[in-house]
Amino acid sequence: MPRRAEHPTPADPELDAASRGATGRAGATRSTAPAASIGSLSDLPVAGLTRRRIALLIAALVAAWVIVLFARQVGEASAASTRADVIRASNVVLEGDVAALERELQLIQRQAYIEQQARTYRLGTDREIPFVLSDDAPSLPPDAPGMPSVRLGAVVDRPTPFESWMDLLFGSPREPAR
């Protein structure tokens, strides 16, 4: 089937018949044929919109929609990956906590620990003499045995008993006499 031209030309037989109208004259106006004067929307150049441009616009909108959906999916996947990393890190911390709690459970199940804790309630043996330090007891000096400031095997200049008596009787040579 041959394609018809979108805009009729004067050589078009339909135009000739419509322009002649009922009288058959060649110079008749279009007002005698109202169906031919309306035309189609493709005859109106509204803002330069053609079928091709409208199709390209719709295709661009669909492509933009697909890109936005893809970007959203990538963002959700990235967020899920971040959440998974946080959960993995918290699992490592929880594994450490579980291991520490298991070690503590093994410790408190030992008989020696149970006996030590029983002594705090005065449930020791008959030969043990319970004692408690008073609340106003002074703290130990920094150079007392067992204190962290005195290292095991460290050489400490301690005064001899004779020097201690001399300091007590006559005062310390370090302090000025009063």
Protein backbone atom coordinates (compact mmCIF):
# COMPACT_ATOMS: atom_id res chain seq x y z
CA MET A 1 0.00 0.00 0.00
CA PRO A 2 1.58 3.33 -0.99
CA ARG A 3 2.16 5.82 1.77
CA ARG A 4 0.13 8.96 1.73
CA ALA A 5 1.77 12.31 2.15
CA GLU A 6 0.98 13.98 5.47
CA HIS A 7 0.42 17.37 3.90
CA PRO A 8 -1.73 17.37 0.80
CA THR A 9 -0.29 18.95 -2.27
CA PRO A 10 -2.27 20.67 -5.01
CA ALA A 11 -1.62 17.72 -7.26
CA ASP A 12 -3.40 15.43 -4.74
CA PRO A 13 -6.72 14.14 -6.15
CA GLU A 14 -8.47 14.31 -2.74
CA LEU A 15 -7.57 17.96 -2.42
CA ASP A 16 -8.87 18.66 -5.85
CA ALA A 17 -12.18 17.00 -5.05
CA ALA A 18 -12.52 18.74 -1.67
CA SER A 19 -11.56 22.12 -3.04
CA ARG A 20 -14.10 21.88 -5.85
CA GLY A 21 -16.87 21.07 -3.44
CA ALA A 22 -20.38 20.57 -4.73
CA THR A 23 -20.07 23.08 -7.54
CA GLY A 24 -17.10 21.40 -9.15
CA ARG A 25 -15.16 24.61 -9.47
CA ALA A 26 -11.42 24.54 -8.90
CA GLY A 27 -11.13 27.70 -6.78
CA ALA A 28 -13.56 26.81 -3.94
CA THR A 29 -12.53 27.49 -0.33
CA ARG A 30 -12.02 24.94 2.39
CA SER A 31 -15.07 26.11 4.30
CA THR A 32 -17.24 24.03 1.99
CA ALA A 33 -15.49 20.85 3.31
CA PRO A 34 -15.37 21.05 7.12
CA ALA A 35 -13.73 17.61 7.56
CA ALA A 36 -10.67 18.63 5.56
CA SER A 37 -10.21 21.95 7.38
CA ILE A 38 -9.72 20.39 10.90
CA GLY A 39 -6.68 18.26 10.03
CA SER A 40 -4.72 16.16 12.52
CA LEU A 41 -2.56 17.09 15.51
CA SER A 42 0.54 16.21 13.56
CA ASP A 43 -0.23 19.23 11.34
CA LEU A 44 0.20 21.57 14.34
CA PRO A 45 3.79 22.28 15.25
CA VAL A 46 3.15 22.66 19.02
CA ALA A 47 6.46 23.64 20.58
CA GLY A 48 8.28 21.57 18.02
CA LEU A 49 6.92 18.28 19.39
CA THR A 50 6.89 15.51 16.86
CA ARG A 51 6.18 11.84 17.35
CA ARG A 52 9.87 11.10 17.28
CA ARG A 53 10.67 13.72 19.92
CA ILE A 54 7.86 12.51 22.17
CA ALA A 55 9.14 8.92 21.81
CA LEU A 56 12.67 10.07 22.68
CA LEU A 57 11.33 11.97 25.70
CA ILE A 58 9.43 8.92 26.93
CA ALA A 59 12.49 6.72 26.36
CA ALA A 60 14.65 9.20 28.31
CA LEU A 61 12.15 9.21 31.18
CA VAL A 62 12.08 5.40 31.27
CA ALA A 63 15.89 5.28 31.17
CA ALA A 64 16.11 7.82 34.02
CA TRP A 65 13.59 5.77 36.03
CA VAL A 66 15.65 2.60 35.48
CA ILE A 67 18.84 4.43 36.49
CA VAL A 68 17.19 5.74 39.68
CA LEU A 69 15.96 2.24 40.54
CA PHE A 70 19.42 0.82 39.90
CA ALA A 71 21.03 3.52 42.06
CA ARG A 72 18.56 2.77 44.86
CA GLN A 73 19.40 -0.94 44.65
CA VAL A 74 23.12 -0.16 44.77
CA GLY A 75 22.58 2.07 47.81
CA GLU A 76 20.57 -0.61 49.60
CA ALA A 77 23.24 -3.20 48.80
CA SER A 78 25.93 -0.88 50.14
CA ALA A 79 23.95 -0.27 53.32
CA ALA A 80 23.40 -4.02 53.76
CA SER A 81 27.13 -4.62 53.28
CA THR A 82 27.91 -1.99 55.92
CA ARG A 83 25.41 -3.56 58.33
CA ALA A 84 26.98 -6.97 57.71
CA ASP A 85 30.45 -5.57 58.51
CA VAL A 86 29.13 -4.05 61.75
CA ILE A 87 27.49 -7.34 62.68
CA ARG A 88 30.72 -9.24 61.94
CA ALA A 89 32.68 -6.85 64.17
CA SER A 90 30.14 -7.18 66.97
CA ASN A 91 30.29 -10.97 66.61
CA VAL A 92 34.06 -10.85 67.15
CA VAL A 93 33.53 -8.75 70.29
CA LEU A 94 30.83 -11.13 71.49
CA GLU A 95 33.10 -14.13 70.88
CA GLY A 96 35.72 -12.48 73.11
CA ASP A 97 33.09 -11.83 75.78
CA VAL A 98 31.89 -15.43 75.63
CA ALA A 99 35.48 -16.72 75.95
CA ALA A 100 36.06 -14.44 78.97
CA LEU A 101 32.83 -15.60 80.58
CA GLU A 102 33.78 -19.24 79.99
CA ARG A 103 37.17 -18.64 81.68
CA GLU A 104 35.41 -16.93 84.58
CA LEU A 105 33.01 -19.87 84.88
CA GLN A 106 35.95 -22.28 85.06
CA LEU A 107 37.54 -20.09 87.74
CA ILE A 108 34.50 -19.83 89.97
CA GLN A 109 33.90 -23.58 89.74
CA ARG A 110 37.30 -24.31 91.35
CA GLN A 111 37.22 -25.48 94.93
CA ALA A 112 39.89 -22.97 96.00
CA TYR A 113 37.79 -20.05 94.74
CA ILE A 114 34.68 -21.38 96.48
CA GLU A 115 36.61 -21.69 99.78
CA GLN A 116 38.01 -18.18 99.42
CA GLN A 117 34.56 -16.72 98.82
CA ALA A 118 33.20 -18.72 101.77
CA ARG A 119 35.77 -17.04 104.02
CA THR A 120 34.16 -13.67 103.28
CA TYR A 121 31.06 -15.05 105.02
CA ARG A 122 33.20 -16.51 107.89
CA LEU A 123 32.63 -20.04 106.69
CA GLY A 124 36.31 -21.08 106.83
CA THR A 125 37.85 -23.88 108.87
CA ASP A 126 37.97 -23.88 112.68
CA ARG A 127 41.70 -23.07 112.73
CA GLU A 128 41.27 -19.84 110.72
CA ILE A 129 40.99 -16.58 112.58
CA PRO A 130 38.88 -14.12 110.61
CA PHE A 131 39.95 -10.49 110.59
CA VAL A 132 38.84 -7.33 108.89
CA LEU A 133 40.71 -4.09 108.38
CA SER A 134 38.96 -1.10 109.84
CA ASP A 135 37.62 1.52 107.50
CA ASP A 136 40.01 4.18 108.83
CA ALA A 137 43.12 2.00 108.43
CA PRO A 138 45.97 3.86 106.71
CA SER A 139 47.08 2.72 103.31
CA LEU A 140 50.34 0.87 102.89
CA PRO A 141 53.45 2.89 102.13
CA PRO A 142 54.62 2.76 98.51
CA ASP A 143 57.72 0.76 99.42
CA ALA A 144 55.87 -1.95 101.35
CA PRO A 145 56.55 -5.54 100.31
CA GLY A 146 54.20 -6.70 97.60
CA MET A 147 53.44 -3.21 96.35
CA PRO A 148 53.75 -2.65 92.61
CA SER A 149 56.28 0.13 93.10
CA VAL A 150 58.76 -2.40 94.50
CA ARG A 151 59.72 -4.79 91.76
CA LEU A 152 60.75 -8.31 92.47
CA GLY A 153 64.54 -8.49 92.71
CA ALA A 154 65.01 -4.73 92.78
CA VAL A 155 67.79 -3.42 95.03
CA VAL A 156 66.34 -1.15 97.66
CA ASP A 157 68.53 0.90 100.05
CA ARG A 158 67.01 0.03 103.39
CA PRO A 159 68.60 1.29 106.56
CA THR A 160 70.27 -1.23 108.81
CA PRO A 161 68.75 -1.77 112.25
CA PHE A 162 71.59 0.29 113.81
CA GLU A 163 70.85 3.21 111.47
CA SER A 164 67.14 2.94 112.31
CA TRP A 165 67.93 3.20 116.07
CA MET A 166 70.28 6.11 115.52
CA ASP A 167 67.61 7.90 113.45
CA LEU A 168 65.08 7.25 116.19
CA LEU A 169 67.36 8.49 119.01
CA PHE A 170 69.14 11.38 117.34
CA GLY A 171 66.94 12.19 114.35
CA SER A 172 67.43 11.58 110.72
CA PRO A 173 70.54 13.11 109.15
CA ARG A 174 68.36 14.06 106.22
CA GLU A 175 66.11 16.21 108.37
CA PRO A 176 67.50 19.32 110.05
CA ALA A 177 67.48 19.16 113.85
CA ARG A 178 64.96 21.33 115.56
